Amino acid sequence: GVAVSTDQGLVVPVVRDADLLSFADIEKRISDLGRRAREGKLAIEEL
């Protein structure tokens, strides 16, 4: 889980099976989750 601060409060989206991901995959995943967290577009399963 990577904590993300949003206008609504702190949320912790999850990077699944992070041990199987490359550095680039992790950065892309964190960037995508952070953006959608701030836009309020995360699915509940991602938290």
All heavy atoms as atom14 arrays in JSON, in Angstrom:
{
  "sequence": "GVAVSTDQGLVVPVVRDADLLSFADIEKRISDLGRRAREGKLAIEEL",
  "atom14_mask": [
    [1, 1, 1, 1, 0, 0, 0, 0, 0, 0, 0, 0, 0, 0],
    [1, 1, 1, 1, 1, 1, 1, 0, 0, 0, 0, 0, 0, 0],
    [1, 1, 1, 1, 1, 0, 0, 0, 0, 0, 0, 0, 0, 0],
    [1, 1, 1, 1, 1, 1, 1, 0, 0, 0, 0, 0, 0, 0],
    [1, 1, 1, 1, 1, 1, 0, 0, 0, 0, 0, 0, 0, 0],
    [1, 1, 1, 1, 1, 1, 1, 0, 0, 0, 0, 0, 0, 0],
    [1, 1, 1, 1, 1, 1, 1, 1, 0, 0, 0, 0, 0, 0],
    [1, 1, 1, 1, 1, 1, 1, 1, 1, 0, 0, 0, 0, 0],
    [1, 1, 1, 1, 0, 0, 0, 0, 0, 0, 0, 0, 0, 0],
    [1, 1, 1, 1, 1, 1, 1, 1, 0, 0, 0, 0, 0, 0],
    [1, 1, 1, 1, 1, 1, 1, 0, 0, 0, 0, 0, 0, 0],
    [1, 1, 1, 1, 1, 1, 1, 0, 0, 0, 0, 0, 0, 0],
    [1, 1, 1, 1, 1, 1, 1, 0, 0, 0, 0, 0, 0, 0],
    [1, 1, 1, 1, 1, 1, 1, 0, 0, 0, 0, 0, 0, 0],
    [1, 1, 1, 1, 1, 1, 1, 0, 0, 0, 0, 0, 0, 0],
    [1, 1, 1, 1, 1, 1, 1, 1, 1, 1, 1, 0, 0, 0],
    [1, 1, 1, 1, 1, 1, 1, 1, 0, 0, 0, 0, 0, 0],
    [1, 1, 1, 1, 1, 0, 0, 0, 0, 0, 0, 0, 0, 0],
    [1, 1, 1, 1, 1, 1, 1, 1, 0, 0, 0, 0, 0, 0],
    [1, 1, 1, 1, 1, 1, 1, 1, 0, 0, 0, 0, 0, 0],
    [1, 1, 1, 1, 1, 1, 1, 1, 0, 0, 0, 0, 0, 0],
    [1, 1, 1, 1, 1, 1, 0, 0, 0, 0, 0, 0, 0, 0],
    [1, 1, 1, 1, 1, 1, 1, 1, 1, 1, 1, 0, 0, 0],
    [1, 1, 1, 1, 1, 0, 0, 0, 0, 0, 0, 0, 0, 0],
    [1, 1, 1, 1, 1, 1, 1, 1, 0, 0, 0, 0, 0, 0],
    [1, 1, 1, 1, 1, 1, 1, 1, 0, 0, 0, 0, 0, 0],
    [1, 1, 1, 1, 1, 1, 1, 1, 1, 0, 0, 0, 0, 0],
    [1, 1, 1, 1, 1, 1, 1, 1, 1, 0, 0, 0, 0, 0],
    [1, 1, 1, 1, 1, 1, 1, 1, 1, 1, 1, 0, 0, 0],
    [1, 1, 1, 1, 1, 1, 1, 1, 0, 0, 0, 0, 0, 0],
    [1, 1, 1, 1, 1, 1, 0, 0, 0, 0, 0, 0, 0, 0],
    [1, 1, 1, 1, 1, 1, 1, 1, 0, 0, 0, 0, 0, 0],
    [1, 1, 1, 1, 1, 1, 1, 1, 0, 0, 0, 0, 0, 0],
    [1, 1, 1, 1, 0, 0, 0, 0, 0, 0, 0, 0, 0, 0],
    [1, 1, 1, 1, 1, 1, 1, 1, 1, 1, 1, 0, 0, 0],
    [1, 1, 1, 1, 1, 1, 1, 1, 1, 1, 1, 0, 0, 0],
    [1, 1, 1, 1, 1, 0, 0, 0, 0, 0, 0, 0, 0, 0],
    [1, 1, 1, 1, 1, 1, 1, 1, 1, 1, 1, 0, 0, 0],
    [1, 1, 1, 1, 1, 1, 1, 1, 1, 0, 0, 0, 0, 0],
    [1, 1, 1, 1, 0, 0, 0, 0, 0, 0, 0, 0, 0, 0],
    [1, 1, 1, 1, 1, 1, 1, 1, 1, 0, 0, 0, 0, 0],
    [1, 1, 1, 1, 1, 1, 1, 1, 0, 0, 0, 0, 0, 0],
    [1, 1, 1, 1, 1, 0, 0, 0, 0, 0, 0, 0, 0, 0],
    [1, 1, 1, 1, 1, 1, 1, 1, 0, 0, 0, 0, 0, 0],
    [1, 1, 1, 1, 1, 1, 1, 1, 1, 0, 0, 0, 0, 0],
    [1, 1, 1, 1, 1, 1, 1, 1, 1, 0, 0, 0, 0, 0],
    [1, 1, 1, 1, 1, 1, 1, 1, 0, 0, 0, 0, 0, 0]
  ],
  "atom14_positions": [
    [[0.83, -1.2, 0.0], [0.0, 0.0, 0.0], [0.86, 1.25, 0.0], [1.88, 1.31, 0.7], [0.0, 0.0, 0.0], [0.0, 0.0, 0.0], [0.0, 0.0, 0.0], [0.0, 0.0, 0.0], [0.0, 0.0, 0.0], [0.0, 0.0, 0.0], [0.0, 0.0, 0.0], [0.0, 0.0, 0.0], [0.0, 0.0, 0.0], [0.0, 0.0, 0.0]],
    [[0.49, 2.23, -0.8], [1.22, 3.5, -0.88], [0.25, 4.62, -0.51], [-0.73, 4.86, -1.22], [1.8, 3.73, -2.29], [2.53, 5.06, -2.36], [2.74, 2.59, -2.67], [0.0, 0.0, 0.0], [0.0, 0.0, 0.0], [0.0, 0.0, 0.0], [0.0, 0.0, 0.0], [0.0, 0.0, 0.0], [0.0, 0.0, 0.0], [0.0, 0.0, 0.0]],
    [[0.5, 5.29, 0.6], [-0.41, 6.33, 1.09], [-0.43, 7.53, 0.14], [0.63, 8.0, -0.29], [-0.01, 6.77, 2.49], [0.0, 0.0, 0.0], [0.0, 0.0, 0.0], [0.0, 0.0, 0.0], [0.0, 0.0, 0.0], [0.0, 0.0, 0.0], [0.0, 0.0, 0.0], [0.0, 0.0, 0.0], [0.0, 0.0, 0.0], [0.0, 0.0, 0.0]],
    [[-1.64, 8.01, -0.16], [-1.83, 9.16, -1.06], [-2.73, 10.17, -0.37], [-3.81, 9.82, 0.11], [-2.46, 8.73, -2.41], [-2.72, 9.95, -3.29], [-1.57, 7.73, -3.12], [0.0, 0.0, 0.0], [0.0, 0.0, 0.0], [0.0, 0.0, 0.0], [0.0, 0.0, 0.0], [0.0, 0.0, 0.0], [0.0, 0.0, 0.0], [0.0, 0.0, 0.0]],
    [[-2.31, 11.42, -0.31], [-3.13, 12.48, 0.28], [-4.04, 13.08, -0.78], [-3.58, 13.46, -1.86], [-2.23, 13.57, 0.88], [-3.0, 14.6, 1.43], [0.0, 0.0, 0.0], [0.0, 0.0, 0.0], [0.0, 0.0, 0.0], [0.0, 0.0, 0.0], [0.0, 0.0, 0.0], [0.0, 0.0, 0.0], [0.0, 0.0, 0.0], [0.0, 0.0, 0.0]],
    [[-5.35, 13.16, -0.48], [-6.32, 13.76, -1.39], [-7.12, 14.82, -0.64], [-7.01, 14.95, 0.58], [-7.3, 12.71, -1.95], [-8.22, 12.32, -0.91], [-6.56, 11.47, -2.44], [0.0, 0.0, 0.0], [0.0, 0.0, 0.0], [0.0, 0.0, 0.0], [0.0, 0.0, 0.0], [0.0, 0.0, 0.0], [0.0, 0.0, 0.0], [0.0, 0.0, 0.0]],
    [[-7.93, 15.57, -1.36], [-8.78, 16.58, -0.71], [-9.78, 15.94, 0.24], [-10.25, 16.57, 1.18], [-9.54, 17.4, -1.77], [-8.63, 18.39, -2.48], [-7.54, 18.67, -1.94], [-9.0, 18.88, -3.56], [0.0, 0.0, 0.0], [0.0, 0.0, 0.0], [0.0, 0.0, 0.0], [0.0, 0.0, 0.0], [0.0, 0.0, 0.0], [0.0, 0.0, 0.0]],
    [[-10.13, 14.68, -0.01], [-11.1, 14.0, 0.83], [-10.46, 13.32, 2.04], [-11.15, 12.92, 2.97], [-11.84, 12.94, 0.0], [-12.54, 13.5, -1.22], [-13.59, 14.53, -0.87], [-14.35, 14.34, 0.06], [-13.62, 15.63, -1.61], [0.0, 0.0, 0.0], [0.0, 0.0, 0.0], [0.0, 0.0, 0.0], [0.0, 0.0, 0.0], [0.0, 0.0, 0.0]],
    [[-9.14, 13.18, 2.05], [-8.46, 12.51, 3.14], [-7.39, 11.57, 2.6], [-7.15, 11.48, 1.4], [0.0, 0.0, 0.0], [0.0, 0.0, 0.0], [0.0, 0.0, 0.0], [0.0, 0.0, 0.0], [0.0, 0.0, 0.0], [0.0, 0.0, 0.0], [0.0, 0.0, 0.0], [0.0, 0.0, 0.0], [0.0, 0.0, 0.0], [0.0, 0.0, 0.0]],
    [[-6.74, 10.85, 3.52], [-5.67, 9.95, 3.15], [-6.24, 8.6, 2.7], [-7.06, 8.0, 3.39], [-4.75, 9.73, 4.35], [-3.44, 8.98, 4.08], [-2.49, 9.86, 3.28], [-2.8, 8.54, 5.39], [0.0, 0.0, 0.0], [0.0, 0.0, 0.0], [0.0, 0.0, 0.0], [0.0, 0.0, 0.0], [0.0, 0.0, 0.0], [0.0, 0.0, 0.0]],
    [[-5.82, 8.14, 1.53], [-6.21, 6.82, 1.04], [-4.95, 6.02, 0.75], [-3.88, 6.59, 0.52], [-7.1, 6.9, -0.22], [-8.41, 7.58, 0.09], [-6.38, 7.62, -1.36], [0.0, 0.0, 0.0], [0.0, 0.0, 0.0], [0.0, 0.0, 0.0], [0.0, 0.0, 0.0], [0.0, 0.0, 0.0], [0.0, 0.0, 0.0], [0.0, 0.0, 0.0]],
    [[-5.08, 4.7, 0.76], [-3.91, 3.83, 0.57], [-4.2, 2.81, -0.54], [-4.59, 1.67, -0.26], [-3.53, 3.1, 1.88], [-2.22, 2.35, 1.7], [-3.42, 4.09, 3.03], [0.0, 0.0, 0.0], [0.0, 0.0, 0.0], [0.0, 0.0, 0.0], [0.0, 0.0, 0.0], [0.0, 0.0, 0.0], [0.0, 0.0, 0.0], [0.0, 0.0, 0.0]],
    [[-4.05, 3.2, -1.8], [-4.19, 2.22, -2.89], [-3.07, 1.2, -2.84], [-1.97, 1.47, -2.32], [-4.13, 3.09, -4.15], [-3.43, 4.33, -3.74], [-3.77, 4.56, -2.31], [0.0, 0.0, 0.0], [0.0, 0.0, 0.0], [0.0, 0.0, 0.0], [0.0, 0.0, 0.0], [0.0, 0.0, 0.0], [0.0, 0.0, 0.0], [0.0, 0.0, 0.0]],
    [[-3.33, 0.03, -3.39], [-2.42, -1.11, -3.25], [-1.78, -1.48, -4.58], [-2.47, -1.63, -5.59], [-3.18, -2.33, -2.67], [-2.25, -3.53, -2.56], [-3.78, -1.97, -1.31], [0.0, 0.0, 0.0], [0.0, 0.0, 0.0], [0.0, 0.0, 0.0], [0.0, 0.0, 0.0], [0.0, 0.0, 0.0], [0.0, 0.0, 0.0], [0.0, 0.0, 0.0]],
    [[-0.46, -1.64, -4.56], [0.28, -2.15, -5.71], [0.37, -3.67, -5.54], [1.1, -4.17, -4.69], [1.69, -1.54, -5.79], [2.45, -2.1, -6.99], [1.61, -0.02, -5.87], [0.0, 0.0, 0.0], [0.0, 0.0, 0.0], [0.0, 0.0, 0.0], [0.0, 0.0, 0.0], [0.0, 0.0, 0.0], [0.0, 0.0, 0.0], [0.0, 0.0, 0.0]],
    [[-0.41, -4.4, -6.33], [-0.49, -5.86, -6.19], [0.78, -6.55, -6.72], [1.35, -6.13, -7.73], [-1.69, -6.4, -6.98], [-3.01, -5.75, -6.65], [-3.56, -6.22, -5.33], [-4.82, -5.56, -5.03], [-5.4, -5.57, -3.85], [-4.83, -6.22, -2.84], [-6.55, -4.93, -3.65], [0.0, 0.0, 0.0], [0.0, 0.0, 0.0], [0.0, 0.0, 0.0]],
    [[1.19, -7.6, -6.01], [2.33, -8.42, -6.42], [3.52, -7.56, -6.84], [4.11, -7.74, -7.91], [1.94, -9.36, -7.56], [0.92, -10.41, -7.12], [1.11, -10.99, -6.04], [-0.07, -10.62, -7.84], [0.0, 0.0, 0.0], [0.0, 0.0, 0.0], [0.0, 0.0, 0.0], [0.0, 0.0, 0.0], [0.0, 0.0, 0.0], [0.0, 0.0, 0.0]],
    [[3.86, -6.62, -5.96], [4.92, -5.66, -6.29], [6.26, -6.35, -6.47], [7.15, -5.81, -7.15], [5.01, -4.6, -5.19], [0.0, 0.0, 0.0], [0.0, 0.0, 0.0], [0.0, 0.0, 0.0], [0.0, 0.0, 0.0], [0.0, 0.0, 0.0], [0.0, 0.0, 0.0], [0.0, 0.0, 0.0], [0.0, 0.0, 0.0], [0.0, 0.0, 0.0]],
    [[6.44, -7.53, -5.89], [7.71, -8.24, -6.03], [7.93, -8.73, -7.46], [9.07, -9.03, -7.86], [7.78, -9.41, -5.06], [6.63, -10.4, -5.25], [5.48, -9.92, -5.37], [6.88, -11.61, -5.26], [0.0, 0.0, 0.0], [0.0, 0.0, 0.0], [0.0, 0.0, 0.0], [0.0, 0.0, 0.0], [0.0, 0.0, 0.0], [0.0, 0.0, 0.0]],
    [[6.87, -8.82, -8.23], [6.97, -9.3, -9.61], [7.12, -8.16, -10.62], [7.26, -8.4, -11.82], [5.73, -10.13, -9.98], [5.4, -11.31, -9.05], [4.14, -12.01, -9.54], [6.57, -12.28, -8.98], [0.0, 0.0, 0.0], [0.0, 0.0, 0.0], [0.0, 0.0, 0.0], [0.0, 0.0, 0.0], [0.0, 0.0, 0.0], [0.0, 0.0, 0.0]],
    [[7.11, -6.93, -10.13], [7.14, -5.76, -11.01], [8.54, -5.18, -11.1], [9.32, -5.24, -10.14], [6.18, -4.69, -10.49], [4.7, -5.08, -10.34], [3.91, -3.9, -9.8], [4.13, -5.54, -11.68], [0.0, 0.0, 0.0], [0.0, 0.0, 0.0], [0.0, 0.0, 0.0], [0.0, 0.0, 0.0], [0.0, 0.0, 0.0], [0.0, 0.0, 0.0]],
    [[8.85, -4.57, -12.25], [10.1, -3.86, -12.41], [10.0, -2.47, -11.79], [8.91, -2.04, -11.38], [10.42, -3.72, -13.9], [9.46, -2.88, -14.54], [0.0, 0.0, 0.0], [0.0, 0.0, 0.0], [0.0, 0.0, 0.0], [0.0, 0.0, 0.0], [0.0, 0.0, 0.0], [0.0, 0.0, 0.0], [0.0, 0.0, 0.0], [0.0, 0.0, 0.0]],
    [[11.12, -1.76, -11.73], [11.09, -0.38, -11.23], [10.12, 0.45, -12.06], [9.35, 1.24, -11.51], [12.5, 0.23, -11.28], [13.39, -0.19, -10.15], [14.04, -1.41, -10.16], [13.59, 0.64, -9.06], [14.87, -1.8, -9.13], [14.41, 0.27, -8.01], [15.05, -0.96, -8.04], [0.0, 0.0, 0.0], [0.0, 0.0, 0.0], [0.0, 0.0, 0.0]],
    [[10.17, 0.29, -13.38], [9.3, 1.08, -14.26], [7.83, 0.73, -14.02], [6.97, 1.62, -13.97], [9.66, 0.84, -15.72], [0.0, 0.0, 0.0], [0.0, 0.0, 0.0], [0.0, 0.0, 0.0], [0.0, 0.0, 0.0], [0.0, 0.0, 0.0], [0.0, 0.0, 0.0], [0.0, 0.0, 0.0], [0.0, 0.0, 0.0], [0.0, 0.0, 0.0]],
    [[7.54, -0.55, -13.85], [6.15, -0.97, -13.61], [5.63, -0.39, -12.3], [4.47, 0.04, -12.22], [6.05, -2.49, -13.58], [6.28, -3.12, -14.94], [6.03, -2.44, -15.95], [6.73, -4.28, -14.99], [0.0, 0.0, 0.0], [0.0, 0.0, 0.0], [0.0, 0.0, 0.0], [0.0, 0.0, 0.0], [0.0, 0.0, 0.0], [0.0, 0.0, 0.0]],
    [[6.48, -0.39, -11.27], [6.07, 0.17, -9.98], [5.8, 1.66, -10.1], [4.8, 2.17, -9.6], [7.15, -0.11, -8.92], [7.21, -1.61, -8.61], [6.87, 0.68, -7.64], [8.36, -2.0, -7.7], [0.0, 0.0, 0.0], [0.0, 0.0, 0.0], [0.0, 0.0, 0.0], [0.0, 0.0, 0.0], [0.0, 0.0, 0.0], [0.0, 0.0, 0.0]],
    [[6.69, 2.38, -10.78], [6.5, 3.83, -10.94], [5.21, 4.13, -11.71], [4.47, 5.04, -11.35], [7.7, 4.45, -11.65], [8.99, 4.46, -10.86], [8.94, 5.4, -9.66], [7.97, 6.17, -9.53], [9.87, 5.35, -8.84], [0.0, 0.0, 0.0], [0.0, 0.0, 0.0], [0.0, 0.0, 0.0], [0.0, 0.0, 0.0], [0.0, 0.0, 0.0]],
    [[4.96, 3.37, -12.77], [3.74, 3.58, -13.55], [2.5, 3.29, -12.72], [1.51, 4.04, -12.77], [3.74, 2.69, -14.8], [4.76, 3.07, -15.85], [4.76, 2.07, -17.01], [5.8, 2.44, -18.05], [5.86, 1.45, -19.16], [0.0, 0.0, 0.0], [0.0, 0.0, 0.0], [0.0, 0.0, 0.0], [0.0, 0.0, 0.0], [0.0, 0.0, 0.0]],
    [[2.56, 2.22, -11.95], [1.41, 1.83, -11.14], [1.13, 2.87, -10.06], [-0.02, 3.27, -9.84], [1.68, 0.47, -10.51], [0.51, -0.11, -9.75], [-0.65, -0.42, -10.66], [-1.73, -1.07, -9.94], [-3.0, -0.92, -10.24], [-3.36, -0.16, -11.24], [-3.93, -1.56, -9.56], [0.0, 0.0, 0.0], [0.0, 0.0, 0.0], [0.0, 0.0, 0.0]],
    [[2.17, 3.34, -9.39], [2.0, 4.35, -8.34], [1.48, 5.65, -8.92], [0.6, 6.3, -8.35], [3.33, 4.57, -7.58], [3.68, 3.33, -6.75], [3.26, 5.8, -6.69], [5.04, 3.41, -6.08], [0.0, 0.0, 0.0], [0.0, 0.0, 0.0], [0.0, 0.0, 0.0], [0.0, 0.0, 0.0], [0.0, 0.0, 0.0], [0.0, 0.0, 0.0]],
    [[2.02, 6.05, -10.06], [1.57, 7.28, -10.72], [0.09, 7.2, -11.08], [-0.68, 8.14, -10.86], [2.42, 7.54, -11.97], [1.95, 8.66, -12.68], [0.0, 0.0, 0.0], [0.0, 0.0, 0.0], [0.0, 0.0, 0.0], [0.0, 0.0, 0.0], [0.0, 0.0, 0.0], [0.0, 0.0, 0.0], [0.0, 0.0, 0.0], [0.0, 0.0, 0.0]],
    [[-0.32, 6.06, -11.65], [-1.72, 5.88, -12.05], [-2.64, 5.87, -10.83], [-3.68, 6.54, -10.82], [-1.85, 4.57, -12.83], [-3.3, 4.23, -13.14], [-3.94, 5.0, -13.88], [-3.8, 3.21, -12.64], [0.0, 0.0, 0.0], [0.0, 0.0, 0.0], [0.0, 0.0, 0.0], [0.0, 0.0, 0.0], [0.0, 0.0, 0.0], [0.0, 0.0, 0.0]],
    [[-2.26, 5.13, -9.79], [-3.1, 5.06, -8.59], [-3.2, 6.41, -7.91], [-4.28, 6.81, -7.46], [-2.52, 4.03, -7.61], [-2.63, 2.55, -8.02], [-1.8, 1.68, -7.09], [-4.08, 2.1, -8.04], [0.0, 0.0, 0.0], [0.0, 0.0, 0.0], [0.0, 0.0, 0.0], [0.0, 0.0, 0.0], [0.0, 0.0, 0.0], [0.0, 0.0, 0.0]],
    [[-2.09, 7.14, -7.84], [-2.11, 8.46, -7.21], [-2.99, 9.44, -7.95], [-3.76, 10.19, -7.34], [0.0, 0.0, 0.0], [0.0, 0.0, 0.0], [0.0, 0.0, 0.0], [0.0, 0.0, 0.0], [0.0, 0.0, 0.0], [0.0, 0.0, 0.0], [0.0, 0.0, 0.0], [0.0, 0.0, 0.0], [0.0, 0.0, 0.0], [0.0, 0.0, 0.0]],
    [[-2.89, 9.43, -9.28], [-3.72, 10.34, -10.09], [-5.2, 10.04, -9.9], [-6.01, 10.94, -9.66], [-3.32, 10.22, -11.57], [-4.21, 11.03, -12.51], [-3.81, 10.8, -13.95], [-3.83, 9.39, -14.32], [-4.93, 8.72, -14.62], [-6.12, 9.32, -14.57], [-4.87, 7.43, -14.96], [0.0, 0.0, 0.0], [0.0, 0.0, 0.0], [0.0, 0.0, 0.0]],
    [[-5.56, 8.77, -9.99], [-6.97, 8.41, -9.87], [-7.48, 8.58, -8.44], [-8.67, 8.84, -8.23], [-7.18, 6.99, -10.38], [-7.02, 6.89, -11.89], [-7.51, 5.57, -12.45], [-6.65, 4.46, -12.07], [-7.02, 3.46, -11.32], [-8.26, 3.43, -10.82], [-6.19, 2.47, -11.02], [0.0, 0.0, 0.0], [0.0, 0.0, 0.0], [0.0, 0.0, 0.0]],
    [[-6.6, 8.46, -7.46], [-7.01, 8.72, -6.07], [-7.39, 10.18, -5.9], [-8.42, 10.5, -5.29], [-5.88, 8.35, -5.12], [0.0, 0.0, 0.0], [0.0, 0.0, 0.0], [0.0, 0.0, 0.0], [0.0, 0.0, 0.0], [0.0, 0.0, 0.0], [0.0, 0.0, 0.0], [0.0, 0.0, 0.0], [0.0, 0.0, 0.0], [0.0, 0.0, 0.0]],
    [[-6.59, 11.08, -6.46], [-6.89, 12.52, -6.34], [-8.13, 12.91, -7.15], [-8.81, 13.88, -6.82], [-5.67, 13.33, -6.77], [-4.54, 13.29, -5.73], [-3.37, 14.15, -6.15], [-2.59, 13.52, -7.19], [-1.57, 12.68, -6.98], [-1.25, 12.37, -5.74], [-0.9, 12.17, -7.98], [0.0, 0.0, 0.0], [0.0, 0.0, 0.0], [0.0, 0.0, 0.0]],
    [[-8.41, 12.15, -8.21], [-9.61, 12.42, -9.02], [-10.84, 11.7, -8.49], [-11.94, 11.88, -9.02], [-9.36, 12.0, -10.47], [-8.3, 12.82, -11.18], [-7.98, 12.3, -12.58], [-8.52, 11.21, -12.93], [-7.22, 12.95, -13.29], [0.0, 0.0, 0.0], [0.0, 0.0, 0.0], [0.0, 0.0, 0.0], [0.0, 0.0, 0.0], [0.0, 0.0, 0.0]],
    [[-10.67, 10.89, -7.45], [-11.8, 10.15, -6.89], [-12.28, 9.03, -7.78], [-13.45, 8.67, -7.75], [0.0, 0.0, 0.0], [0.0, 0.0, 0.0], [0.0, 0.0, 0.0], [0.0, 0.0, 0.0], [0.0, 0.0, 0.0], [0.0, 0.0, 0.0], [0.0, 0.0, 0.0], [0.0, 0.0, 0.0], [0.0, 0.0, 0.0], [0.0, 0.0, 0.0]],
    [[-11.38, 8.42, -8.57], [-11.78, 7.4, -9.53], [-11.27, 6.0, -9.19], [-11.3, 5.11, -10.03], [-11.29, 7.79, -10.93], [-11.98, 9.05, -11.48], [-11.49, 9.36, -12.88], [-12.2, 10.59, -13.45], [-11.74, 10.94, -14.81], [0.0, 0.0, 0.0], [0.0, 0.0, 0.0], [0.0, 0.0, 0.0], [0.0, 0.0, 0.0], [0.0, 0.0, 0.0]],
    [[-10.79, 5.82, -7.96], [-10.32, 4.49, -7.58], [-11.49, 3.56, -7.33], [-12.52, 3.96, -6.81], [-9.47, 4.57, -6.31], [-8.06, 5.14, -6.42], [-7.42, 5.2, -5.05], [-7.22, 4.31, -7.37], [0.0, 0.0, 0.0], [0.0, 0.0, 0.0], [0.0, 0.0, 0.0], [0.0, 0.0, 0.0], [0.0, 0.0, 0.0], [0.0, 0.0, 0.0]],
    [[-11.32, 2.3, -7.69], [-12.3, 1.28, -7.33], [-12.03, 0.82, -5.9], [-10.89, 0.86, -5.42], [-12.2, 0.09, -8.29], [0.0, 0.0, 0.0], [0.0, 0.0, 0.0], [0.0, 0.0, 0.0], [0.0, 0.0, 0.0], [0.0, 0.0, 0.0], [0.0, 0.0, 0.0], [0.0, 0.0, 0.0], [0.0, 0.0, 0.0], [0.0, 0.0, 0.0]],
    [[-13.07, 0.39, -5.21], [-12.92, -0.02, -3.82], [-11.92, -1.16, -3.7], [-11.12, -1.22, -2.76], [-14.29, -0.44, -3.25], [-15.18, 0.81, -3.12], [-14.15, -1.13, -1.9], [-16.58, 0.52, -2.66], [0.0, 0.0, 0.0], [0.0, 0.0, 0.0], [0.0, 0.0, 0.0], [0.0, 0.0, 0.0], [0.0, 0.0, 0.0], [0.0, 0.0, 0.0]],
    [[-11.91, -2.08, -4.67], [-11.01, -3.22, -4.63], [-9.54, -2.8, -4.63], [-8.67, -3.53, -4.16], [-11.26, -4.15, -5.82], [-12.63, -4.83, -5.82], [-13.76, -3.88, -6.2], [-13.47, -2.8, -6.77], [-14.92, -4.21, -5.93], [0.0, 0.0, 0.0], [0.0, 0.0, 0.0], [0.0, 0.0, 0.0], [0.0, 0.0, 0.0], [0.0, 0.0, 0.0]],
    [[-9.25, -1.61, -5.18], [-7.87, -1.14, -5.24], [-7.37, -0.6, -3.9], [-6.19, -0.27, -3.76], [-7.74, -0.05, -6.31], [-7.97, -0.58, -7.72], [-7.96, 0.51, -8.77], [-8.78, 1.44, -8.66], [-7.13, 0.43, -9.69], [0.0, 0.0, 0.0], [0.0, 0.0, 0.0], [0.0, 0.0, 0.0], [0.0, 0.0, 0.0], [0.0, 0.0, 0.0]],
    [[-8.25, -0.52, -2.91], [-7.89, -0.01, -1.59], [-7.88, -1.12, -0.54], [-7.67, -0.84, 0.64], [-8.87, 1.08, -1.16], [-8.93, 2.32, -2.05], [-10.1, 3.2, -1.67], [-7.64, 3.12, -1.94], [0.0, 0.0, 0.0], [0.0, 0.0, 0.0], [0.0, 0.0, 0.0], [0.0, 0.0, 0.0], [0.0, 0.0, 0.0], [0.0, 0.0, 0.0]]
  ]
}
